PDB file of N, CA and C in Angstrom:
ATOM      1  N   UNK A   1     -31.370 -20.721 -21.772  1.00  0.00           N
ATOM      2  CA  UNK A   1     -30.153 -20.456 -21.016  1.00  0.00           C
ATOM      3  C   UNK A   1     -30.404 -20.829 -19.552  1.00  0.00           C
ATOM      4  N   UNK A   2     -29.486 -21.590 -18.973  1.00  0.00           N
ATOM      5  CA  UNK A   2     -29.651 -21.956 -17.563  1.00  0.00           C
ATOM      6  C   UNK A   2     -28.916 -20.969 -16.661  1.00  0.00           C
ATOM      7  N   UNK A   3     -28.981 -21.191 -15.362  1.00  0.00           N
ATOM      8  CA  UNK A   3     -28.389 -20.275 -14.389  1.00  0.00           C
ATOM      9  C   UNK A   3     -26.886 -20.127 -14.527  1.00  0.00           C
ATOM     10  N   UNK A   4     -26.205 -21.232 -14.879  1.00  0.00           N
ATOM     11  CA  UNK A   4     -24.745 -21.172 -15.025  1.00  0.00           C
ATOM     12  C   UNK A   4     -24.342 -20.275 -16.198  1.00  0.00           C
ATOM     13  N   UNK A   5     -25.085 -20.358 -17.309  1.00  0.00           N
ATOM     14  CA  UNK A   5     -24.785 -19.507 -18.466  1.00  0.00           C
ATOM     15  C   UNK A   5     -25.002 -18.035 -18.133  1.00  0.00           C
ATOM     16  N   UNK A   6     -26.052 -17.742 -17.394  1.00  0.00           N
ATOM     17  CA  UNK A   6     -26.325 -16.356 -17.007  1.00  0.00           C
ATOM     18  C   UNK A   6     -25.204 -15.831 -16.121  1.00  0.00           C
ATOM     19  N   UNK A   7     -24.683 -16.671 -15.230  1.00  0.00           N
ATOM     20  CA  UNK A   7     -23.580 -16.255 -14.360  1.00  0.00           C
ATOM     21  C   UNK A   7     -22.343 -15.951 -15.195  1.00  0.00           C
ATOM     22  N   UNK A   8     -22.057 -16.784 -16.183  1.00  0.00           N
ATOM     23  CA  UNK A   8     -20.889 -16.558 -17.038  1.00  0.00           C
ATOM     24  C   UNK A   8     -21.008 -15.238 -17.788  1.00  0.00           C
ATOM     25  N   UNK A   9     -22.189 -14.926 -18.272  1.00  0.00           N
ATOM     26  CA  UNK A   9     -22.390 -13.671 -18.980  1.00  0.00           C
ATOM     27  C   UNK A   9     -22.209 -12.467 -18.067  1.00  0.00           C
ATOM     28  N   UNK A  10     -22.611 -12.602 -16.820  1.00  0.00           N
ATOM     29  CA  UNK A  10     -22.541 -11.483 -15.883  1.00  0.00           C
ATOM     30  C   UNK A  10     -21.130 -11.242 -15.364  1.00  0.00           C
ATOM     31  N   UNK A  11     -20.239 -12.203 -15.520  1.00  0.00           N
ATOM     32  CA  UNK A  11     -18.892 -12.057 -14.962  1.00  0.00           C
ATOM     33  C   UNK A  11     -17.824 -12.067 -16.057  1.00  0.00           C
ATOM     34  N   UNK A  12     -18.076 -11.409 -17.151  1.00  0.00           N
ATOM     35  CA  UNK A  12     -17.079 -11.344 -18.216  1.00  0.00           C
ATOM     36  C   UNK A  12     -15.943 -10.416 -17.810  1.00  0.00           C
ATOM     37  N   UNK A  13     -14.832 -10.557 -18.467  1.00  0.00           N
ATOM     38  CA  UNK A  13     -13.662  -9.718 -18.169  1.00  0.00           C
ATOM     39  C   UNK A  13     -13.953  -8.238 -18.400  1.00  0.00           C
ATOM     40  N   UNK A  14     -14.807  -7.923 -19.369  1.00  0.00           N
ATOM     41  CA  UNK A  14     -15.088  -6.524 -19.678  1.00  0.00           C
ATOM     42  C   UNK A  14     -15.806  -5.823 -18.529  1.00  0.00           C
ATOM     43  N   UNK A  15     -16.602  -6.556 -17.752  1.00  0.00           N
ATOM     44  CA  UNK A  15     -17.397  -5.942 -16.697  1.00  0.00           C
ATOM     45  C   UNK A  15     -16.642  -5.858 -15.367  1.00  0.00           C
ATOM     46  N   UNK A  16     -15.555  -6.597 -15.228  1.00  0.00           N
ATOM     47  CA  UNK A  16     -14.798  -6.552 -13.984  1.00  0.00           C
ATOM     48  C   UNK A  16     -14.027  -5.240 -13.894  1.00  0.00           C
ATOM     49  N   UNK A  17     -14.056  -4.595 -12.729  1.00  0.00           N
ATOM     50  CA  UNK A  17     -13.297  -3.341 -12.600  1.00  0.00           C
ATOM     51  C   UNK A  17     -11.794  -3.619 -12.600  1.00  0.00           C
ATOM     52  N   UNK A  18     -11.033  -2.660 -13.105  1.00  0.00           N
ATOM     53  CA  UNK A  18      -9.580  -2.791 -13.117  1.00  0.00           C
ATOM     54  C   UNK A  18      -9.069  -2.609 -11.689  1.00  0.00           C
ATOM     55  N   UNK A  19      -8.265  -3.547 -11.217  1.00  0.00           N
ATOM     56  CA  UNK A  19      -7.724  -3.487  -9.864  1.00  0.00           C
ATOM     57  C   UNK A  19      -6.342  -2.853  -9.898  1.00  0.00           C
ATOM     58  N   UNK A  20      -6.110  -1.942  -8.963  1.00  0.00           N
ATOM     59  CA  UNK A  20      -4.812  -1.285  -8.866  1.00  0.00           C
ATOM     60  C   UNK A  20      -4.272  -1.457  -7.448  1.00  0.00           C
ATOM     61  N   UNK A  21      -2.950  -1.550  -7.282  1.00  0.00           N
ATOM     62  CA  UNK A  21      -2.388  -1.636  -5.933  1.00  0.00           C
ATOM     63  C   UNK A  21      -2.733  -0.366  -5.155  1.00  0.00           C
ATOM     64  N   UNK A  22      -3.309  -0.555  -3.984  1.00  0.00           N
ATOM     65  CA  UNK A  22      -3.802   0.565  -3.186  1.00  0.00           C
ATOM     66  C   UNK A  22      -3.259   0.469  -1.765  1.00  0.00           C
ATOM     67  N   UNK A  23      -2.769   1.579  -1.231  1.00  0.00           N
ATOM     68  CA  UNK A  23      -2.291   1.607   0.152  1.00  0.00           C
ATOM     69  C   UNK A  23      -3.494   1.614   1.096  1.00  0.00           C
ATOM     70  N   UNK A  24      -3.430   0.769   2.125  1.00  0.00           N
ATOM     71  CA  UNK A  24      -4.515   0.686   3.101  1.00  0.00           C
ATOM     72  C   UNK A  24      -3.949   0.657   4.513  1.00  0.00           C
ATOM     73  N   UNK A  25      -4.816   0.893   5.483  1.00  0.00           N
ATOM     74  CA  UNK A  25      -4.533   0.643   6.886  1.00  0.00           C
ATOM     75  C   UNK A  25      -5.334  -0.599   7.254  1.00  0.00           C
ATOM     76  N   UNK A  26      -4.690  -1.587   7.870  1.00  0.00           N
ATOM     77  CA  UNK A  26      -5.299  -2.868   8.187  1.00  0.00           C
ATOM     78  C   UNK A  26      -5.184  -3.114   9.690  1.00  0.00           C
ATOM     79  N   UNK A  27      -6.254  -3.616  10.307  1.00  0.00           N
ATOM     80  CA  UNK A  27      -6.247  -3.866  11.744  1.00  0.00           C
ATOM     81  C   UNK A  27      -5.225  -4.943  12.088  1.00  0.00           C
ATOM     82  N   UNK A  28      -4.487  -4.735  13.175  1.00  0.00           N
ATOM     83  CA  UNK A  28      -3.491  -5.707  13.618  1.00  0.00           C
ATOM     84  C   UNK A  28      -4.102  -6.908  14.329  1.00  0.00           C
ATOM     85  N   UNK A  29      -5.339  -6.768  14.808  1.00  0.00           N
ATOM     86  CA  UNK A  29      -6.020  -7.859  15.502  1.00  0.00           C
ATOM     87  C   UNK A  29      -6.387  -8.946  14.481  1.00  0.00           C
ATOM     88  N   UNK A  30      -5.883 -10.183  14.640  1.00  0.00           N
ATOM     89  CA  UNK A  30      -6.156 -11.230  13.648  1.00  0.00           C
ATOM     90  C   UNK A  30      -7.637 -11.615  13.539  1.00  0.00           C
ATOM     91  N   UNK A  31      -8.409 -11.387  14.600  1.00  0.00           N
ATOM     92  CA  UNK A  31      -9.837 -11.712  14.545  1.00  0.00           C
ATOM     93  C   UNK A  31     -10.652 -10.614  13.846  1.00  0.00           C
ATOM     94  N   UNK A  32     -10.084  -9.430  13.724  1.00  0.00           N
ATOM     95  CA  UNK A  32     -10.797  -8.294  13.121  1.00  0.00           C
ATOM     96  C   UNK A  32     -10.412  -8.184  11.645  1.00  0.00           C
ATOM     97  N   UNK A  33     -11.380  -8.004  10.795  1.00  0.00           N
ATOM     98  CA  UNK A  33     -11.134  -7.940   9.349  1.00  0.00           C
ATOM     99  C   UNK A  33     -11.176  -6.511   8.801  1.00  0.00           C
ATOM    100  N   UNK A  34     -11.169  -5.517   9.655  1.00  0.00           N
ATOM    101  CA  UNK A  34     -11.326  -4.125   9.217  1.00  0.00           C
ATOM    102  C   UNK A  34     -10.099  -3.609   8.475  1.00  0.00           C
ATOM    103  N   UNK A  35     -10.364  -2.757   7.474  1.00  0.00           N
ATOM    104  CA  UNK A  35      -9.306  -2.045   6.759  1.00  0.00           C
ATOM    105  C   UNK A  35      -9.913  -0.774   6.185  1.00  0.00           C
ATOM    106  N   UNK A  36      -9.025   0.216   5.923  1.00  0.00           N
ATOM    107  CA  UNK A  36      -9.451   1.518   5.414  1.00  0.00           C
ATOM    108  C   UNK A  36      -8.465   1.941   4.336  1.00  0.00           C
ATOM    109  N   UNK A  37      -8.967   2.462   3.233  1.00  0.00           N
ATOM    110  CA  UNK A  37      -8.068   3.024   2.218  1.00  0.00           C
ATOM    111  C   UNK A  37      -7.283   4.179   2.846  1.00  0.00           C
ATOM    112  N   UNK A  38      -6.001   4.284   2.516  1.00  0.00           N
ATOM    113  CA  UNK A  38      -5.160   5.323   3.101  1.00  0.00           C
ATOM    114  C   UNK A  38      -5.708   6.722   2.811  1.00  0.00           C
ATOM    115  N   UNK A  39      -6.283   6.923   1.640  1.00  0.00           N
ATOM    116  CA  UNK A  39      -6.799   8.255   1.292  1.00  0.00           C
ATOM    117  C   UNK A  39      -8.007   8.658   2.130  1.00  0.00           C
ATOM    118  N   UNK A  40      -8.654   7.708   2.793  1.00  0.00           N
ATOM    119  CA  UNK A  40      -9.790   8.012   3.663  1.00  0.00           C
ATOM    120  C   UNK A  40      -9.443   7.894   5.139  1.00  0.00           C
ATOM    121  N   UNK A  41      -8.205   7.550   5.455  1.00  0.00           N
ATOM    122  CA  UNK A  41      -7.781   7.337   6.839  1.00  0.00           C
ATOM    123  C   UNK A  41      -7.355   8.648   7.500  1.00  0.00           C
ATOM    124  N   UNK A  42      -7.359   8.632   8.814  1.00  0.00           N
ATOM    125  CA  UNK A  42      -6.855   9.757   9.599  1.00  0.00           C
ATOM    126  C   UNK A  42      -5.352   9.591   9.749  1.00  0.00           C
ATOM    127  N   UNK A  43      -4.672  10.624  10.243  1.00  0.00           N
ATOM    128  CA  UNK A  43      -3.216  10.549  10.368  1.00  0.00           C
ATOM    129  C   UNK A  43      -2.785   9.452  11.344  1.00  0.00           C
ATOM    130  N   UNK A  44      -3.459   9.311  12.449  1.00  0.00           N
ATOM    131  CA  UNK A  44      -3.195   8.220  13.394  1.00  0.00           C
ATOM    132  C   UNK A  44      -4.445   7.340  13.424  1.00  0.00           C
ATOM    133  N   UNK A  45      -4.547   6.457  12.455  1.00  0.00           N
ATOM    134  CA  UNK A  45      -5.755   5.651  12.275  1.00  0.00           C
ATOM    135  C   UNK A  45      -5.846   4.547  13.329  1.00  0.00           C
ATOM    136  N   UNK A  46      -7.006   4.464  13.997  1.00  0.00           N
ATOM    137  CA  UNK A  46      -7.299   3.328  14.858  1.00  0.00           C
ATOM    138  C   UNK A  46      -8.436   2.559  14.201  1.00  0.00           C
ATOM    139  N   UNK A  47      -8.567   1.293  14.540  1.00  0.00           N
ATOM    140  CA  UNK A  47      -9.554   0.430  13.900  1.00  0.00           C
ATOM    141  C   UNK A  47     -10.970   0.976  14.129  1.00  0.00           C
ATOM    142  N   UNK A  48     -11.749   1.140  13.065  1.00  0.00           N
ATOM    143  CA  UNK A  48     -13.113   1.655  13.226  1.00  0.00           C
ATOM    144  C   UNK A  48     -14.058   0.649  13.881  1.00  0.00           C
ATOM    145  N   UNK A  49     -13.666  -0.626  13.947  1.00  0.00           N
ATOM    146  CA  UNK A  49     -14.535  -1.650  14.531  1.00  0.00           C
ATOM    147  C   UNK A  49     -14.122  -1.979  15.965  1.00  0.00           C
ATOM    148  N   UNK A  50     -12.858  -2.401  16.148  1.00  0.00           N
ATOM    149  CA  UNK A  50     -12.431  -2.832  17.488  1.00  0.00           C
ATOM    150  C   UNK A  50     -11.622  -1.775  18.228  1.00  0.00           C
ATOM    151  N   UNK A  51     -11.335  -0.639  17.581  1.00  0.00           N
ATOM    152  CA  UNK A  51     -10.572   0.487  18.160  1.00  0.00           C
ATOM    153  C   UNK A  51      -9.117   0.136  18.454  1.00  0.00           C
ATOM    154  N   UNK A  52      -8.632  -0.983  17.924  1.00  0.00           N
ATOM    155  CA  UNK A  52      -7.249  -1.402  18.139  1.00  0.00           C
ATOM    156  C   UNK A  52      -6.298  -0.711  17.175  1.00  0.00           C
ATOM    157  N   UNK A  53      -4.995  -1.030  17.280  1.00  0.00           N
ATOM    158  CA  UNK A  53      -4.003  -0.414  16.395  1.00  0.00           C
ATOM    159  C   UNK A  53      -4.100  -0.978  14.979  1.00  0.00           C
ATOM    160  N   UNK A  54      -3.648  -0.165  14.023  1.00  0.00           N
ATOM    161  CA  UNK A  54      -3.648  -0.590  12.626  1.00  0.00           C
ATOM    162  C   UNK A  54      -2.261  -0.406  12.049  1.00  0.00           C
ATOM    163  N   UNK A  55      -1.956  -1.139  10.969  1.00  0.00           N
ATOM    164  CA  UNK A  55      -0.681  -0.967  10.281  1.00  0.00           C
ATOM    165  C   UNK A  55      -0.933  -0.820   8.786  1.00  0.00           C
ATOM    166  N   UNK A  56       0.050  -0.257   8.099  1.00  0.00           N
ATOM    167  CA  UNK A  56      -0.083  -0.032   6.658  1.00  0.00           C
ATOM    168  C   UNK A  56       0.120  -1.337   5.903  1.00  0.00           C
ATOM    169  N   UNK A  57      -0.590  -1.455   4.794  1.00  0.00           N
ATOM    170  CA  UNK A  57      -0.496  -2.632   3.950  1.00  0.00           C
ATOM    171  C   UNK A  57      -0.901  -2.229   2.531  1.00  0.00           C
ATOM    172  N   UNK A  58      -0.945  -3.194   1.639  1.00  0.00           N
ATOM    173  CA  UNK A  58      -1.379  -2.965   0.258  1.00  0.00           C
ATOM    174  C   UNK A  58      -2.472  -3.969  -0.074  1.00  0.00           C
ATOM    175  N   UNK A  59      -3.372  -3.554  -0.961  1.00  0.00           N
ATOM    176  CA  UNK A  59      -4.443  -4.425  -1.426  1.00  0.00           C
ATOM    177  C   UNK A  59      -4.790  -4.003  -2.850  1.00  0.00           C
ATOM    178  N   UNK A  60      -5.098  -4.961  -3.713  1.00  0.00           N
ATOM    179  CA  UNK A  60      -5.518  -4.655  -5.081  1.00  0.00           C
ATOM    180  C   UNK A  60      -7.021  -4.387  -5.063  1.00  0.00           C
ATOM    181  N   UNK A  61      -7.372  -3.124  -5.343  1.00  0.00           N
ATOM    182  CA  UNK A  61      -8.766  -2.671  -5.259  1.00  0.00           C
ATOM    183  C   UNK A  61      -9.153  -1.895  -6.505  1.00  0.00           C
ATOM    184  N   UNK A  62     -10.449  -1.818  -6.787  1.00  0.00           N
ATOM    185  CA  UNK A  62     -10.884  -0.941  -7.877  1.00  0.00           C
ATOM    186  C   UNK A  62     -10.616   0.515  -7.522  1.00  0.00           C
ATOM    187  N   UNK A  63     -10.345   1.325  -8.517  1.00  0.00           N
ATOM    188  CA  UNK A  63     -10.110   2.752  -8.296  1.00  0.00           C
ATOM    189  C   UNK A  63     -11.413   3.408  -7.849  1.00  0.00           C
ATOM    190  N   UNK A  64     -11.287   4.443  -7.028  1.00  0.00           N
ATOM    191  CA  UNK A  64     -12.454   5.220  -6.611  1.00  0.00           C
ATOM    192  C   UNK A  64     -12.276   6.651  -7.076  1.00  0.00           C
ATOM    193  N   UNK A  65     -13.388   7.312  -7.309  1.00  0.00           N
ATOM    194  CA  UNK A  65     -13.351   8.721  -7.671  1.00  0.00           C
ATOM    195  C   UNK A  65     -13.616   9.522  -6.415  1.00  0.00           C
ATOM    196  N   UNK A  66     -12.619  10.281  -5.986  1.00  0.00           N
ATOM    197  CA  UNK A  66     -12.746  11.062  -4.757  1.00  0.00           C
ATOM    198  C   UNK A  66     -13.489  12.369  -4.979  1.00  0.00           C
ATOM    199  N   UNK A  67     -13.377  12.921  -6.156  1.00  0.00           N
ATOM    200  CA  UNK A  67     -13.942  14.241  -6.402  1.00  0.00           C
ATOM    201  C   UNK A  67     -15.258  14.106  -7.154  1.00  0.00           C
ATOM    202  N   UNK A  68     -16.246  14.797  -6.679  1.00  0.00           N
ATOM    203  CA  UNK A  68     -17.539  14.832  -7.348  1.00  0.00           C
ATOM    204  C   UNK A  68     -17.598  16.128  -8.129  1.00  0.00           C
ATOM    205  N   UNK A  69     -17.761  16.011  -9.419  1.00  0.00           N
ATOM    206  CA  UNK A  69     -17.838  17.205 -10.249  1.00  0.00           C
ATOM    207  C   UNK A  69     -19.276  17.690 -10.231  1.00  0.00           C
ATOM    208  N   UNK A  70     -19.462  18.854  -9.699  1.00  0.00           N
ATOM    209  CA  UNK A  70     -20.800  19.443  -9.661  1.00  0.00           C
ATOM    210  C   UNK A  70     -21.007  20.287 -10.898  1.00  0.00           C
ATOM    211  N   UNK A  71     -22.201  20.194 -11.425  1.00  0.00           N
ATOM    212  CA  UNK A  71     -22.524  21.014 -12.582  1.00  0.00           C
ATOM    213  C   UNK A  71     -22.852  22.420 -12.100  1.00  0.00           C
ATOM    214  N   UNK A  72     -22.424  23.429 -12.846  1.00  0.00           N
ATOM    215  CA  UNK A  72     -22.725  24.804 -12.426  1.00  0.00           C
ATOM    216  C   UNK A  72     -24.234  25.027 -12.412  1.00  0.00           C
ATOM    217  N   UNK A  73     -24.649  25.829 -11.455  1.00  0.00           N
ATOM    218  CA  UNK A  73     -26.077  26.133 -11.339  1.00  0.00           C
ATOM    219  C   UNK A  73     -26.499  27.044 -12.478  1.00  0.00           C
ATOM    220  N   UNK A  74     -27.648  26.704 -13.031  1.00  0.00           N
ATOM    221  CA  UNK A  74     -28.209  27.549 -14.082  1.00  0.00           C
ATOM    222  C   UNK A  74     -28.947  28.704 -13.422  1.00  0.00           C
ATOM    223  N   UNK A  75     -28.873  29.873 -14.021  1.00  0.00           N
ATOM    224  CA  UNK A  75     -29.668  30.969 -13.466  1.00  0.00           C
ATOM    225  C   UNK A  75     -31.154  30.651 -13.636  1.00  0.00           C
ATOM    226  N   UNK A  76     -31.915  30.920 -12.602  1.00  0.00           N
ATOM    227  CA  UNK A  76     -33.347  30.635 -12.655  1.00  0.00           C
ATOM    228  C   UNK A  76     -34.033  31.636 -13.547  1.00  0.00           C
ATOM    229  N   UNK A  77     -34.884  31.101 -14.375  1.00  0.00           N
ATOM    230  CA  UNK A  77     -35.682  31.997 -15.219  1.00  0.00           C
ATOM    231  C   UNK A  77     -37.109  31.990 -14.711  1.00  0.00           C
ATOM    232  N   UNK A  78     -37.880  32.881 -15.177  1.00  0.00           N
ATOM    233  CA  UNK A  78     -39.263  32.972 -14.707  1.00  0.00           C
ATOM    234  C   UNK A  78     -40.113  31.817 -15.211  1.00  0.00           C
ATOM    235  N   UNK A  79     -39.547  30.993 -16.147  1.00  0.00           N
ATOM    236  CA  UNK A  79     -40.307  29.889 -16.720  1.00  0.00           C
ATOM    237  C   UNK A  79     -39.966  28.554 -16.064  1.00  0.00           C
ATOM    238  N   UNK A  80     -38.937  28.491 -15.196  1.00  0.00           N
ATOM    239  CA  UNK A  80     -38.566  27.249 -14.510  1.00  0.00           C
ATOM    240  C   UNK A  80     -39.541  26.991 -13.366  1.00  0.00           C
ATOM    241  N   UNK A  81     -39.844  25.746 -13.165  1.00  0.00           N
ATOM    242  CA  UNK A  81     -40.728  25.360 -12.062  1.00  0.00           C
ATOM    243  C   UNK A  81     -39.963  24.625 -11.007  1.00  0.00           C
TER     244      UNK A  81
END
């Protein structure tokens, strides 16, 4: 198998994440490429890179999991190390 075949195997449709329309804040400065997902933005979001103004937009992005499910702590027994 050559390098091209390995690349094809690594980029199959099954491995690509599902993209969903996502609300974002995007920097208004054309030279700045910064953007932030709306769910992680502040109420009056300014650009994290150039500190300029931002506007709302949409982008197709993979879904993120915001909540981390923590496992309940087990009671310590005298045999745990």
